[in-house]
Amino acid sequence: MLLSSSKPEPTGAANELVYRRLRSQVMHGEILPGSAKTLRGIGKEFGVSMTPAREAMRRLVAEGAFTLSSSGRISTPELSRDRIEELAALRALLEPELAARALPRAHLALIDRLQSINGTIGQAIARQDPVGYIRTNLEFHRTLYLRAQAPAMLAMAETVWLQMGPTMRSLYEKLRRSELPQHHRLIVAALKAGDEPGLRLAVRADVTQGLRMLAQ
């Protein structure tokens, strides 16, 4: 028995809590590729009953954050080379467009914020903190793309990030970063210059270069 309480559990709120926390863990690479989960284990981890654990996992499987085998095994995906190439291609389509749409609204406060996030990325690299690196790297991109005012497109990009979270952790371990991503500096420079072609190129290179190393 996972929980014992005299009061009924607020199932909707519990489902949302578990969903958001697990989603964050997957997206930011806290869970490695091929890691298995059980509903009972999720319930214990988050202090909830089986019902919200099951509902949260159903949503995450539908989004591609987890896979469900015919035997009922729930695990984070181990992406094939073709799947990595496909997701990299999606990033190359979506994210330069989001950045270009954000460019007319790229005021100085946004540029300052992006530079501040880059500083935080540098701290994560110095600590050799892969989860912190992935989290702040995605924050850099999300902060820029929010200025595009294209919520449907951003939601699609975030679904790709979610599906790639565990793989991004593997990529970080392979690259062994020791300095800031060079393309972030190019992105900021293009924003300052109002250079849309340069911005598109910098974003496309930033979001695909490392992934294609994994697919080789």
N, C-alpha and C. Protein backbone atom coordinates (compact mmCIF):
# COMPACT_ATOMS: atom_id res chain seq x y z
N MET A 1 0.85 -1.20 0.00
CA MET A 1 0.00 0.00 0.00
C MET A 1 0.88 1.24 0.00
N LEU A 2 0.69 2.12 -1.02
CA LEU A 2 1.58 3.25 -1.18
C LEU A 2 1.28 4.38 -0.22
N LEU A 3 0.04 4.61 0.04
CA LEU A 3 -0.34 5.73 0.90
C LEU A 3 -1.41 5.29 1.85
N SER A 4 -1.44 5.93 3.00
CA SER A 4 -2.55 5.71 3.89
C SER A 4 -2.95 7.06 4.45
N SER A 5 -4.19 7.46 4.15
CA SER A 5 -4.67 8.77 4.58
C SER A 5 -6.17 8.71 4.76
N SER A 6 -6.64 9.45 5.75
CA SER A 6 -8.07 9.47 5.99
C SER A 6 -8.78 10.42 5.04
N LYS A 7 -8.01 11.29 4.36
CA LYS A 7 -8.62 12.25 3.44
C LYS A 7 -8.39 11.78 2.00
N PRO A 8 -9.35 11.99 1.12
CA PRO A 8 -9.14 11.61 -0.27
C PRO A 8 -8.04 12.43 -0.92
N GLU A 9 -7.24 11.79 -1.74
CA GLU A 9 -6.13 12.46 -2.41
C GLU A 9 -6.65 13.35 -3.53
N PRO A 10 -6.16 14.59 -3.65
CA PRO A 10 -6.54 15.45 -4.78
C PRO A 10 -5.87 14.93 -6.05
N THR A 11 -6.53 13.98 -6.71
CA THR A 11 -5.89 13.23 -7.79
C THR A 11 -5.41 14.13 -8.92
N GLY A 12 -6.23 15.10 -9.32
CA GLY A 12 -5.83 15.98 -10.42
C GLY A 12 -4.56 16.74 -10.11
N ALA A 13 -4.47 17.31 -8.92
CA ALA A 13 -3.28 18.05 -8.52
C ALA A 13 -2.08 17.13 -8.41
N ALA A 14 -2.27 15.93 -7.88
CA ALA A 14 -1.17 14.98 -7.74
C ALA A 14 -0.66 14.54 -9.11
N ASN A 15 -1.59 14.30 -10.03
CA ASN A 15 -1.20 13.92 -11.39
C ASN A 15 -0.35 15.01 -12.03
N GLU A 16 -0.78 16.26 -11.88
CA GLU A 16 -0.04 17.37 -12.48
C GLU A 16 1.34 17.52 -11.87
N LEU A 17 1.44 17.33 -10.56
CA LEU A 17 2.73 17.42 -9.86
C LEU A 17 3.69 16.36 -10.39
N VAL A 18 3.23 15.11 -10.43
CA VAL A 18 4.08 14.01 -10.89
C VAL A 18 4.47 14.22 -12.34
N TYR A 19 3.50 14.61 -13.15
CA TYR A 19 3.75 14.84 -14.58
C TYR A 19 4.83 15.90 -14.78
N ARG A 20 4.70 17.03 -14.12
CA ARG A 20 5.64 18.13 -14.33
C ARG A 20 7.03 17.79 -13.81
N ARG A 21 7.10 17.12 -12.67
CA ARG A 21 8.42 16.77 -12.14
C ARG A 21 9.12 15.71 -12.98
N LEU A 22 8.39 14.69 -13.40
CA LEU A 22 8.99 13.67 -14.25
C LEU A 22 9.37 14.26 -15.61
N ARG A 23 8.52 15.11 -16.13
CA ARG A 23 8.81 15.75 -17.42
C ARG A 23 10.10 16.56 -17.34
N SER A 24 10.27 17.29 -16.24
CA SER A 24 11.48 18.07 -16.05
C SER A 24 12.70 17.15 -15.93
N GLN A 25 12.58 16.06 -15.20
CA GLN A 25 13.69 15.14 -15.04
C GLN A 25 14.14 14.58 -16.39
N VAL A 26 13.17 14.19 -17.22
CA VAL A 26 13.52 13.62 -18.53
C VAL A 26 14.12 14.69 -19.43
N MET A 27 13.49 15.85 -19.52
CA MET A 27 13.94 16.89 -20.43
C MET A 27 15.35 17.36 -20.09
N HIS A 28 15.69 17.39 -18.82
CA HIS A 28 16.98 17.93 -18.39
C HIS A 28 18.04 16.85 -18.18
N GLY A 29 17.74 15.64 -18.62
CA GLY A 29 18.76 14.59 -18.59
C GLY A 29 19.04 14.00 -17.23
N GLU A 30 18.12 14.15 -16.31
CA GLU A 30 18.32 13.53 -14.99
C GLU A 30 18.12 12.03 -15.05
N ILE A 31 17.44 11.55 -16.08
CA ILE A 31 17.18 10.12 -16.25
C ILE A 31 17.89 9.67 -17.52
N LEU A 32 18.71 8.65 -17.42
CA LEU A 32 19.52 8.19 -18.54
C LEU A 32 18.70 7.38 -19.54
N PRO A 33 19.17 7.26 -20.79
CA PRO A 33 18.45 6.44 -21.78
C PRO A 33 18.31 5.00 -21.31
N GLY A 34 17.14 4.43 -21.54
CA GLY A 34 16.90 3.03 -21.18
C GLY A 34 16.61 2.79 -19.71
N SER A 35 16.45 3.86 -18.93
CA SER A 35 16.16 3.69 -17.50
C SER A 35 14.69 3.29 -17.31
N ALA A 36 14.47 2.25 -16.53
CA ALA A 36 13.11 1.73 -16.33
C ALA A 36 12.45 2.39 -15.14
N LYS A 37 11.13 2.54 -15.23
CA LYS A 37 10.32 3.08 -14.14
C LYS A 37 9.14 2.13 -13.90
N THR A 38 8.66 2.09 -12.67
CA THR A 38 7.44 1.37 -12.36
C THR A 38 6.46 2.34 -11.72
N LEU A 39 5.17 2.06 -11.87
CA LEU A 39 4.17 2.92 -11.25
C LEU A 39 4.31 2.92 -9.74
N ARG A 40 4.63 1.76 -9.19
CA ARG A 40 4.82 1.69 -7.73
C ARG A 40 6.01 2.54 -7.31
N GLY A 41 7.09 2.47 -8.08
CA GLY A 41 8.27 3.27 -7.75
C GLY A 41 8.00 4.76 -7.87
N ILE A 42 7.25 5.16 -8.89
CA ILE A 42 6.89 6.56 -9.05
C ILE A 42 6.03 7.03 -7.89
N GLY A 43 5.09 6.17 -7.49
CA GLY A 43 4.24 6.52 -6.36
C GLY A 43 5.05 6.76 -5.10
N LYS A 44 6.01 5.89 -4.84
CA LYS A 44 6.86 6.06 -3.65
C LYS A 44 7.72 7.31 -3.76
N GLU A 45 8.27 7.55 -4.96
CA GLU A 45 9.16 8.71 -5.15
C GLU A 45 8.45 10.02 -4.88
N PHE A 46 7.19 10.12 -5.31
CA PHE A 46 6.48 11.38 -5.20
C PHE A 46 5.41 11.39 -4.12
N GLY A 47 5.27 10.27 -3.42
CA GLY A 47 4.30 10.22 -2.32
C GLY A 47 2.87 10.29 -2.78
N VAL A 48 2.57 9.58 -3.87
CA VAL A 48 1.21 9.59 -4.41
C VAL A 48 0.74 8.15 -4.60
N SER A 49 -0.54 8.00 -4.86
CA SER A 49 -1.10 6.67 -5.12
C SER A 49 -0.87 6.27 -6.58
N MET A 50 -1.32 5.08 -6.92
CA MET A 50 -1.11 4.56 -8.26
C MET A 50 -1.87 5.37 -9.32
N THR A 51 -3.01 5.92 -8.98
CA THR A 51 -3.84 6.58 -9.99
C THR A 51 -3.14 7.80 -10.61
N PRO A 52 -2.67 8.77 -9.82
CA PRO A 52 -1.96 9.90 -10.45
C PRO A 52 -0.65 9.48 -11.10
N ALA A 53 0.03 8.47 -10.55
CA ALA A 53 1.26 7.99 -11.18
C ALA A 53 0.95 7.43 -12.56
N ARG A 54 -0.11 6.66 -12.65
CA ARG A 54 -0.50 6.05 -13.93
C ARG A 54 -0.91 7.12 -14.95
N GLU A 55 -1.68 8.11 -14.51
CA GLU A 55 -2.15 9.14 -15.42
C GLU A 55 -0.99 10.01 -15.91
N ALA A 56 -0.08 10.36 -15.00
CA ALA A 56 1.09 11.16 -15.40
C ALA A 56 1.94 10.39 -16.41
N MET A 57 2.14 9.11 -16.16
CA MET A 57 2.95 8.31 -17.08
C MET A 57 2.26 8.15 -18.43
N ARG A 58 0.92 8.02 -18.41
CA ARG A 58 0.19 7.92 -19.69
C ARG A 58 0.45 9.15 -20.54
N ARG A 59 0.42 10.32 -19.94
CA ARG A 59 0.67 11.56 -20.67
C ARG A 59 2.11 11.62 -21.21
N LEU A 60 3.05 11.17 -20.40
CA LEU A 60 4.45 11.24 -20.80
C LEU A 60 4.78 10.23 -21.89
N VAL A 61 4.15 9.07 -21.85
CA VAL A 61 4.32 8.10 -22.94
C VAL A 61 3.77 8.69 -24.24
N ALA A 62 2.62 9.35 -24.16
CA ALA A 62 2.02 9.96 -25.35
C ALA A 62 2.93 11.04 -25.95
N GLU A 63 3.69 11.72 -25.10
CA GLU A 63 4.60 12.77 -25.58
C GLU A 63 5.95 12.23 -26.02
N GLY A 64 6.20 10.94 -25.81
CA GLY A 64 7.47 10.35 -26.23
C GLY A 64 8.57 10.46 -25.20
N ALA A 65 8.25 10.91 -23.97
CA ALA A 65 9.26 10.99 -22.92
C ALA A 65 9.64 9.61 -22.41
N PHE A 66 8.68 8.68 -22.45
CA PHE A 66 8.90 7.29 -22.07
C PHE A 66 8.33 6.39 -23.16
N THR A 67 8.80 5.17 -23.20
CA THR A 67 8.24 4.16 -24.09
C THR A 67 7.59 3.08 -23.24
N LEU A 68 6.56 2.48 -23.80
CA LEU A 68 5.84 1.40 -23.12
C LEU A 68 5.93 0.16 -24.00
N SER A 69 6.61 -0.89 -23.52
CA SER A 69 6.79 -2.09 -24.31
C SER A 69 5.54 -2.97 -24.25
N SER A 70 5.50 -3.98 -25.10
CA SER A 70 4.35 -4.89 -25.12
C SER A 70 4.24 -5.67 -23.81
N SER A 71 5.35 -5.79 -23.08
CA SER A 71 5.34 -6.49 -21.79
C SER A 71 4.94 -5.56 -20.64
N GLY A 72 4.75 -4.26 -20.95
CA GLY A 72 4.37 -3.31 -19.92
C GLY A 72 5.54 -2.59 -19.28
N ARG A 73 6.75 -2.78 -19.80
CA ARG A 73 7.93 -2.10 -19.24
C ARG A 73 7.94 -0.65 -19.68
N ILE A 74 8.12 0.24 -18.71
CA ILE A 74 8.17 1.68 -18.97
C ILE A 74 9.62 2.13 -18.84
N SER A 75 10.14 2.79 -19.87
CA SER A 75 11.53 3.23 -19.82
C SER A 75 11.73 4.46 -20.68
N THR A 76 12.82 5.18 -20.42
CA THR A 76 13.18 6.29 -21.28
C THR A 76 13.73 5.73 -22.59
N PRO A 77 13.48 6.42 -23.70
CA PRO A 77 13.86 5.85 -25.00
C PRO A 77 15.37 5.81 -25.21
N GLU A 78 15.82 4.76 -25.88
CA GLU A 78 17.19 4.67 -26.39
C GLU A 78 17.09 4.93 -27.88
N LEU A 79 17.47 6.12 -28.29
CA LEU A 79 17.20 6.56 -29.66
C LEU A 79 18.17 5.94 -30.66
N SER A 80 17.62 5.48 -31.76
CA SER A 80 18.45 4.97 -32.85
C SER A 80 19.10 6.14 -33.59
N ARG A 81 20.08 5.82 -34.43
CA ARG A 81 20.74 6.87 -35.21
C ARG A 81 19.73 7.60 -36.10
N ASP A 82 18.83 6.85 -36.73
CA ASP A 82 17.82 7.48 -37.60
C ASP A 82 16.90 8.39 -36.80
N ARG A 83 16.55 7.98 -35.58
CA ARG A 83 15.66 8.80 -34.75
C ARG A 83 16.36 10.08 -34.31
N ILE A 84 17.64 10.00 -33.97
CA ILE A 84 18.40 11.19 -33.61
C ILE A 84 18.46 12.15 -34.79
N GLU A 85 18.71 11.61 -35.99
CA GLU A 85 18.75 12.44 -37.20
C GLU A 85 17.40 13.12 -37.43
N GLU A 86 16.32 12.38 -37.21
CA GLU A 86 14.99 12.95 -37.41
C GLU A 86 14.72 14.09 -36.44
N LEU A 87 15.04 13.88 -35.17
CA LEU A 87 14.79 14.92 -34.17
C LEU A 87 15.71 16.13 -34.39
N ALA A 88 16.95 15.87 -34.82
CA ALA A 88 17.86 16.98 -35.14
C ALA A 88 17.30 17.79 -36.31
N ALA A 89 16.71 17.11 -37.29
CA ALA A 89 16.12 17.82 -38.42
C ALA A 89 14.92 18.67 -37.98
N LEU A 90 14.15 18.15 -37.04
CA LEU A 90 13.02 18.93 -36.52
C LEU A 90 13.52 20.18 -35.80
N ARG A 91 14.56 20.04 -35.00
CA ARG A 91 15.13 21.21 -34.33
C ARG A 91 15.63 22.22 -35.36
N ALA A 92 16.27 21.72 -36.43
CA ALA A 92 16.81 22.61 -37.46
C ALA A 92 15.71 23.35 -38.20
N LEU A 93 14.51 22.79 -38.26
CA LEU A 93 13.38 23.46 -38.90
C LEU A 93 12.71 24.46 -37.96
N LEU A 94 12.45 24.02 -36.75
CA LEU A 94 11.63 24.80 -35.82
C LEU A 94 12.40 25.96 -35.18
N GLU A 95 13.61 25.69 -34.72
CA GLU A 95 14.26 26.67 -33.85
C GLU A 95 14.83 27.88 -34.58
N PRO A 96 15.40 27.73 -35.77
CA PRO A 96 15.78 28.95 -36.50
C PRO A 96 14.58 29.84 -36.81
N GLU A 97 13.44 29.23 -37.10
CA GLU A 97 12.23 30.01 -37.37
C GLU A 97 11.76 30.74 -36.11
N LEU A 98 11.79 30.06 -34.98
CA LEU A 98 11.42 30.72 -33.73
C LEU A 98 12.37 31.89 -33.44
N ALA A 99 13.66 31.68 -33.64
CA ALA A 99 14.63 32.75 -33.38
C ALA A 99 14.39 33.93 -34.31
N ALA A 100 14.12 33.64 -35.59
CA ALA A 100 13.87 34.72 -36.55
C ALA A 100 12.63 35.52 -36.18
N ARG A 101 11.60 34.82 -35.70
CA ARG A 101 10.38 35.52 -35.28
C ARG A 101 10.61 36.34 -34.02
N ALA A 102 11.58 35.92 -33.21
CA ALA A 102 11.89 36.66 -31.99
C ALA A 102 12.73 37.90 -32.27
N LEU A 103 13.45 37.90 -33.37
CA LEU A 103 14.43 38.97 -33.65
C LEU A 103 13.83 40.38 -33.57
N PRO A 104 12.65 40.65 -34.15
CA PRO A 104 12.13 42.02 -34.07
C PRO A 104 11.83 42.48 -32.64
N ARG A 105 11.72 41.54 -31.71
CA ARG A 105 11.42 41.88 -30.31
C ARG A 105 12.63 41.67 -29.41
N ALA A 106 13.80 41.55 -30.01
CA ALA A 106 15.02 41.27 -29.23
C ALA A 106 15.60 42.57 -28.67
N HIS A 107 14.99 43.08 -27.62
CA HIS A 107 15.43 44.33 -27.00
C HIS A 107 16.68 44.07 -26.15
N LEU A 108 17.27 45.13 -25.64
CA LEU A 108 18.52 45.01 -24.89
C LEU A 108 18.36 44.17 -23.63
N ALA A 109 17.20 44.25 -22.99
CA ALA A 109 16.98 43.46 -21.77
C ALA A 109 17.03 41.96 -22.08
N LEU A 110 16.50 41.56 -23.23
CA LEU A 110 16.56 40.15 -23.62
C LEU A 110 18.00 39.73 -23.85
N ILE A 111 18.75 40.54 -24.56
CA ILE A 111 20.16 40.21 -24.83
C ILE A 111 20.95 40.11 -23.53
N ASP A 112 20.70 41.03 -22.61
CA ASP A 112 21.37 40.97 -21.30
C ASP A 112 21.00 39.67 -20.57
N ARG A 113 19.73 39.28 -20.66
CA ARG A 113 19.29 38.05 -20.01
C ARG A 113 19.97 36.83 -20.61
N LEU A 114 20.09 36.80 -21.92
CA LEU A 114 20.76 35.67 -22.58
C LEU A 114 22.23 35.60 -22.18
N GLN A 115 22.88 36.75 -22.07
CA GLN A 115 24.27 36.75 -21.64
C GLN A 115 24.41 36.28 -20.20
N SER A 116 23.44 36.65 -19.37
CA SER A 116 23.45 36.18 -17.98
C SER A 116 23.29 34.66 -17.92
N ILE A 117 22.38 34.13 -18.74
CA ILE A 117 22.19 32.67 -18.77
C ILE A 117 23.47 31.99 -19.25
N ASN A 118 24.15 32.59 -20.21
CA ASN A 118 25.42 32.03 -20.66
C ASN A 118 26.42 31.94 -19.51
N GLY A 119 26.40 32.94 -18.64
CA GLY A 119 27.27 32.88 -17.46
C GLY A 119 26.93 31.71 -16.57
N THR A 120 25.64 31.42 -16.41
CA THR A 120 25.20 30.28 -15.61
C THR A 120 25.61 28.96 -16.26
N ILE A 121 25.53 28.92 -17.60
CA ILE A 121 25.99 27.73 -18.32
C ILE A 121 27.47 27.50 -18.04
N GLY A 122 28.25 28.58 -18.05
CA GLY A 122 29.67 28.46 -17.75
C GLY A 122 29.93 27.90 -16.36
N GLN A 123 29.11 28.29 -15.39
CA GLN A 123 29.26 27.75 -14.04
C GLN A 123 28.96 26.26 -14.00
N ALA A 124 27.93 25.82 -14.75
CA ALA A 124 27.59 24.40 -14.80
C ALA A 124 28.73 23.60 -15.44
N ILE A 125 29.35 24.17 -16.47
CA ILE A 125 30.49 23.51 -17.10
C ILE A 125 31.65 23.39 -16.11
N ALA A 126 31.92 24.45 -15.38
CA ALA A 126 33.02 24.43 -14.41
C ALA A 126 32.78 23.39 -13.31
N ARG A 127 31.51 23.18 -12.94
CA ARG A 127 31.17 22.18 -11.91
C ARG A 127 31.07 20.78 -12.50
N GLN A 128 31.18 20.67 -13.83
CA GLN A 128 30.96 19.40 -14.52
C GLN A 128 29.59 18.83 -14.13
N ASP A 129 28.59 19.69 -14.27
CA ASP A 129 27.21 19.38 -13.88
C ASP A 129 26.37 19.23 -15.15
N PRO A 130 26.20 18.00 -15.64
CA PRO A 130 25.48 17.82 -16.91
C PRO A 130 24.03 18.26 -16.85
N VAL A 131 23.35 17.97 -15.74
CA VAL A 131 21.93 18.34 -15.63
C VAL A 131 21.79 19.86 -15.60
N GLY A 132 22.66 20.53 -14.84
CA GLY A 132 22.64 21.99 -14.81
C GLY A 132 22.94 22.58 -16.17
N TYR A 133 23.87 21.96 -16.89
CA TYR A 133 24.21 22.43 -18.23
C TYR A 133 23.01 22.31 -19.17
N ILE A 134 22.38 21.15 -19.19
CA ILE A 134 21.24 20.95 -20.10
C ILE A 134 20.10 21.88 -19.74
N ARG A 135 19.82 22.03 -18.44
CA ARG A 135 18.73 22.89 -18.00
C ARG A 135 18.96 24.34 -18.44
N THR A 136 20.15 24.86 -18.19
CA THR A 136 20.40 26.27 -18.52
C THR A 136 20.56 26.47 -20.03
N ASN A 137 21.05 25.46 -20.74
CA ASN A 137 21.13 25.56 -22.20
C ASN A 137 19.73 25.67 -22.79
N LEU A 138 18.81 24.86 -22.31
CA LEU A 138 17.42 24.95 -22.80
C LEU A 138 16.78 26.26 -22.35
N GLU A 139 17.14 26.74 -21.17
CA GLU A 139 16.61 28.04 -20.72
C GLU A 139 17.05 29.15 -21.67
N PHE A 140 18.29 29.09 -22.14
CA PHE A 140 18.79 30.07 -23.11
C PHE A 140 17.88 30.09 -24.35
N HIS A 141 17.62 28.91 -24.89
CA HIS A 141 16.79 28.83 -26.10
C HIS A 141 15.35 29.24 -25.82
N ARG A 142 14.78 28.75 -24.72
CA ARG A 142 13.38 29.07 -24.42
C ARG A 142 13.21 30.58 -24.20
N THR A 143 14.15 31.21 -23.51
CA THR A 143 14.07 32.65 -23.25
C THR A 143 14.02 33.43 -24.56
N LEU A 144 14.84 33.02 -25.53
CA LEU A 144 14.81 33.67 -26.83
C LEU A 144 13.51 33.38 -27.57
N TYR A 145 13.10 32.13 -27.60
CA TYR A 145 11.95 31.74 -28.41
C TYR A 145 10.63 32.28 -27.86
N LEU A 146 10.56 32.54 -26.57
CA LEU A 146 9.34 33.13 -26.02
C LEU A 146 9.02 34.48 -26.68
N ARG A 147 10.08 35.18 -27.12
CA ARG A 147 9.87 36.47 -27.76
C ARG A 147 9.25 36.32 -29.15
N ALA A 148 9.24 35.10 -29.68
CA ALA A 148 8.64 34.87 -31.00
C ALA A 148 7.12 34.98 -30.95
N GLN A 149 6.55 34.81 -29.77
CA GLN A 149 5.10 34.81 -29.60
C GLN A 149 4.44 33.81 -30.55
N ALA A 150 5.00 32.60 -30.55
CA ALA A 150 4.49 31.50 -31.39
C ALA A 150 4.35 30.27 -30.49
N PRO A 151 3.32 30.26 -29.63
CA PRO A 151 3.23 29.21 -28.61
C PRO A 151 3.09 27.79 -29.18
N ALA A 152 2.40 27.63 -30.29
CA ALA A 152 2.24 26.28 -30.85
C ALA A 152 3.59 25.76 -31.35
N MET A 153 4.34 26.62 -31.98
CA MET A 153 5.66 26.21 -32.49
C MET A 153 6.61 25.91 -31.33
N LEU A 154 6.57 26.73 -30.29
CA LEU A 154 7.42 26.49 -29.13
C LEU A 154 7.05 25.19 -28.44
N ALA A 155 5.76 24.90 -28.36
CA ALA A 155 5.33 23.64 -27.75
C ALA A 155 5.87 22.44 -28.53
N MET A 156 5.89 22.55 -29.85
CA MET A 156 6.46 21.48 -30.66
C MET A 156 7.95 21.32 -30.39
N ALA A 157 8.66 22.44 -30.28
CA ALA A 157 10.09 22.38 -29.99
C ALA A 157 10.34 21.73 -28.62
N GLU A 158 9.51 22.08 -27.64
CA GLU A 158 9.70 21.51 -26.30
C GLU A 158 9.42 20.01 -26.28
N THR A 159 8.50 19.55 -27.12
CA THR A 159 8.26 18.11 -27.21
C THR A 159 9.49 17.39 -27.76
N VAL A 160 10.16 18.01 -28.72
CA VAL A 160 11.41 17.44 -29.24
C VAL A 160 12.47 17.42 -28.14
N TRP A 161 12.59 18.51 -27.39
CA TRP A 161 13.55 18.54 -26.28
C TRP A 161 13.27 17.43 -25.29
N LEU A 162 11.99 17.22 -25.01
CA LEU A 162 11.60 16.20 -24.05
C LEU A 162 12.04 14.81 -24.53
N GLN A 163 11.79 14.52 -25.78
CA GLN A 163 12.15 13.21 -26.31
C GLN A 163 13.66 13.00 -26.35
N MET A 164 14.40 14.11 -26.41
CA MET A 164 15.85 14.01 -26.52
C MET A 164 16.58 14.16 -25.20
N GLY A 165 15.87 14.44 -24.10
CA GLY A 165 16.54 14.73 -22.83
C GLY A 165 17.57 13.71 -22.42
N PRO A 166 17.22 12.43 -22.30
CA PRO A 166 18.22 11.43 -21.90
C PRO A 166 19.38 11.34 -22.89
N THR A 167 19.10 11.49 -24.18
CA THR A 167 20.15 11.44 -25.20
C THR A 167 21.07 12.64 -25.06
N MET A 168 20.52 13.81 -24.70
CA MET A 168 21.35 14.99 -24.48
C MET A 168 22.33 14.76 -23.34
N ARG A 169 21.90 14.01 -22.34
CA ARG A 169 22.82 13.66 -21.25
C ARG A 169 23.98 12.82 -21.80
N SER A 170 23.67 11.86 -22.65
CA SER A 170 24.71 11.03 -23.26
C SER A 170 25.66 11.89 -24.10
N LEU A 171 25.09 12.87 -24.81
CA LEU A 171 25.90 13.76 -25.63
C LEU A 171 26.85 14.58 -24.76
N TYR A 172 26.35 15.08 -23.65
CA TYR A 172 27.19 15.87 -22.75
C TYR A 172 28.38 15.04 -22.28
N GLU A 173 28.11 13.80 -21.89
CA GLU A 173 29.19 12.94 -21.41
C GLU A 173 30.22 12.69 -22.52
N LYS A 174 29.76 12.63 -23.76
CA LYS A 174 30.67 12.37 -24.88
C LYS A 174 31.52 13.59 -25.20
N LEU A 175 30.91 14.78 -25.16
CA LEU A 175 31.62 16.00 -25.55
C LEU A 175 32.61 16.48 -24.50
N ARG A 176 32.31 16.21 -23.22
CA ARG A 176 33.19 16.67 -22.13
C ARG A 176 33.49 18.16 -22.27
N ARG A 177 32.47 18.96 -22.27
CA ARG A 177 32.62 20.40 -22.50
C ARG A 177 33.53 21.05 -21.46
N SER A 178 34.33 22.00 -21.96
CA SER A 178 35.18 22.78 -21.06
C SER A 178 35.01 24.27 -21.28
N GLU A 179 34.20 24.65 -22.27
CA GLU A 179 33.95 26.07 -22.53
C GLU A 179 32.53 26.25 -23.03
N LEU A 180 32.08 27.51 -23.05
CA LEU A 180 30.73 27.83 -23.48
C LEU A 180 30.50 27.42 -24.93
N PRO A 181 29.25 27.03 -25.27
CA PRO A 181 28.95 26.74 -26.67
C PRO A 181 29.25 27.96 -27.54
N GLN A 182 30.11 27.79 -28.55
CA GLN A 182 30.52 28.93 -29.37
C GLN A 182 29.35 29.54 -30.11
N HIS A 183 28.35 28.73 -30.45
CA HIS A 183 27.23 29.27 -31.23
C HIS A 183 26.34 30.19 -30.40
N HIS A 184 26.36 30.06 -29.08
CA HIS A 184 25.59 30.99 -28.26
C HIS A 184 26.12 32.41 -28.44
N ARG A 185 27.43 32.54 -28.51
CA ARG A 185 28.02 33.86 -28.73
C ARG A 185 27.61 34.41 -30.10
N LEU A 186 27.56 33.54 -31.09
CA LEU A 186 27.15 33.96 -32.43
C LEU A 186 25.68 34.35 -32.45
N ILE A 187 24.85 33.63 -31.69
CA ILE A 187 23.43 33.97 -31.59
C ILE A 187 23.25 35.37 -31.00
N VAL A 188 23.95 35.63 -29.90
CA VAL A 188 23.86 36.94 -29.25
C VAL A 188 24.36 38.04 -30.18
N ALA A 189 25.47 37.77 -30.88
CA ALA A 189 26.01 38.78 -31.81
C ALA A 189 25.03 39.07 -32.94
N ALA A 190 24.37 38.05 -33.46
CA ALA A 190 23.40 38.25 -34.53
C ALA A 190 22.19 39.03 -34.04
N LEU A 191 21.77 38.76 -32.80
CA LEU A 191 20.65 39.53 -32.23
C LEU A 191 21.02 41.00 -32.10
N LYS A 192 22.23 41.28 -31.64
CA LYS A 192 22.67 42.66 -31.48
C LYS A 192 22.72 43.38 -32.83
N ALA A 193 23.14 42.64 -33.86
CA ALA A 193 23.29 43.24 -35.19
C ALA A 193 22.00 43.25 -35.99
N GLY A 194 20.95 42.60 -35.49
CA GLY A 194 19.72 42.48 -36.27
C GLY A 194 19.90 41.65 -37.53
N ASP A 195 20.79 40.67 -37.46
CA ASP A 195 21.19 39.86 -38.61
C ASP A 195 20.38 38.56 -38.64
N GLU A 196 19.26 38.56 -39.38
CA GLU A 196 18.42 37.37 -39.40
C GLU A 196 19.10 36.16 -40.06
N PRO A 197 19.73 36.29 -41.22
CA PRO A 197 20.41 35.11 -41.80
C PRO A 197 21.49 34.55 -40.88
N GLY A 198 22.27 35.43 -40.26
CA GLY A 198 23.29 34.98 -39.33
C GLY A 198 22.70 34.30 -38.11
N LEU A 199 21.57 34.82 -37.65
CA LEU A 199 20.90 34.23 -36.49
C LEU A 199 20.38 32.84 -36.83
N ARG A 200 19.76 32.69 -37.98
CA ARG A 200 19.26 31.37 -38.38
C ARG A 200 20.40 30.36 -38.48
N LEU A 201 21.51 30.77 -39.08
CA LEU A 201 22.65 29.86 -39.21
C LEU A 201 23.21 29.46 -37.86
N ALA A 202 23.35 30.43 -36.95
CA ALA A 202 23.92 30.15 -35.64
C ALA A 202 23.03 29.22 -34.84
N VAL A 203 21.72 29.44 -34.87
CA VAL A 203 20.80 28.58 -34.13
C VAL A 203 20.80 27.18 -34.72
N ARG A 204 20.75 27.09 -36.05
CA ARG A 204 20.72 25.76 -36.69
C ARG A 204 21.99 24.97 -36.33
N ALA A 205 23.13 25.62 -36.39
CA ALA A 205 24.38 24.93 -36.05
C ALA A 205 24.39 24.52 -34.58
N ASP A 206 23.90 25.39 -33.72
CA ASP A 206 23.92 25.10 -32.28
C ASP A 206 23.07 23.90 -31.92
N VAL A 207 21.90 23.77 -32.55
CA VAL A 207 20.96 22.72 -32.13
C VAL A 207 21.19 21.40 -32.85
N THR A 208 22.04 21.38 -33.87
CA THR A 208 22.22 20.12 -34.61
C THR A 208 23.64 19.56 -34.57
N GLN A 209 24.63 20.39 -34.35
CA GLN A 209 26.02 19.93 -34.49
C GLN A 209 26.35 18.76 -33.59
N GLY A 210 26.07 18.91 -32.29
CA GLY A 210 26.38 17.84 -31.35
C GLY A 210 25.55 16.59 -31.59
N LEU A 211 24.26 16.78 -31.91
CA LEU A 211 23.38 15.62 -32.12
C LEU A 211 23.88 14.78 -33.29
N ARG A 212 24.37 15.42 -34.31
CA ARG A 212 24.82 14.66 -35.47
C ARG A 212 26.11 13.91 -35.16
N MET A 213 26.87 14.38 -34.17
CA MET A 213 28.02 13.60 -33.71
C MET A 213 27.56 12.26 -33.13
N LEU A 214 26.46 12.30 -32.37
CA LEU A 214 25.93 11.07 -31.78
C LEU A 214 25.42 10.11 -32.85
N ALA A 215 24.91 10.66 -33.93
CA ALA A 215 24.31 9.81 -34.97
C ALA A 215 25.35 9.19 -35.89
N GLN A 216 26.59 9.62 -35.78
CA GLN A 216 27.64 9.08 -36.67
C GLN A 216 28.01 7.66 -36.28
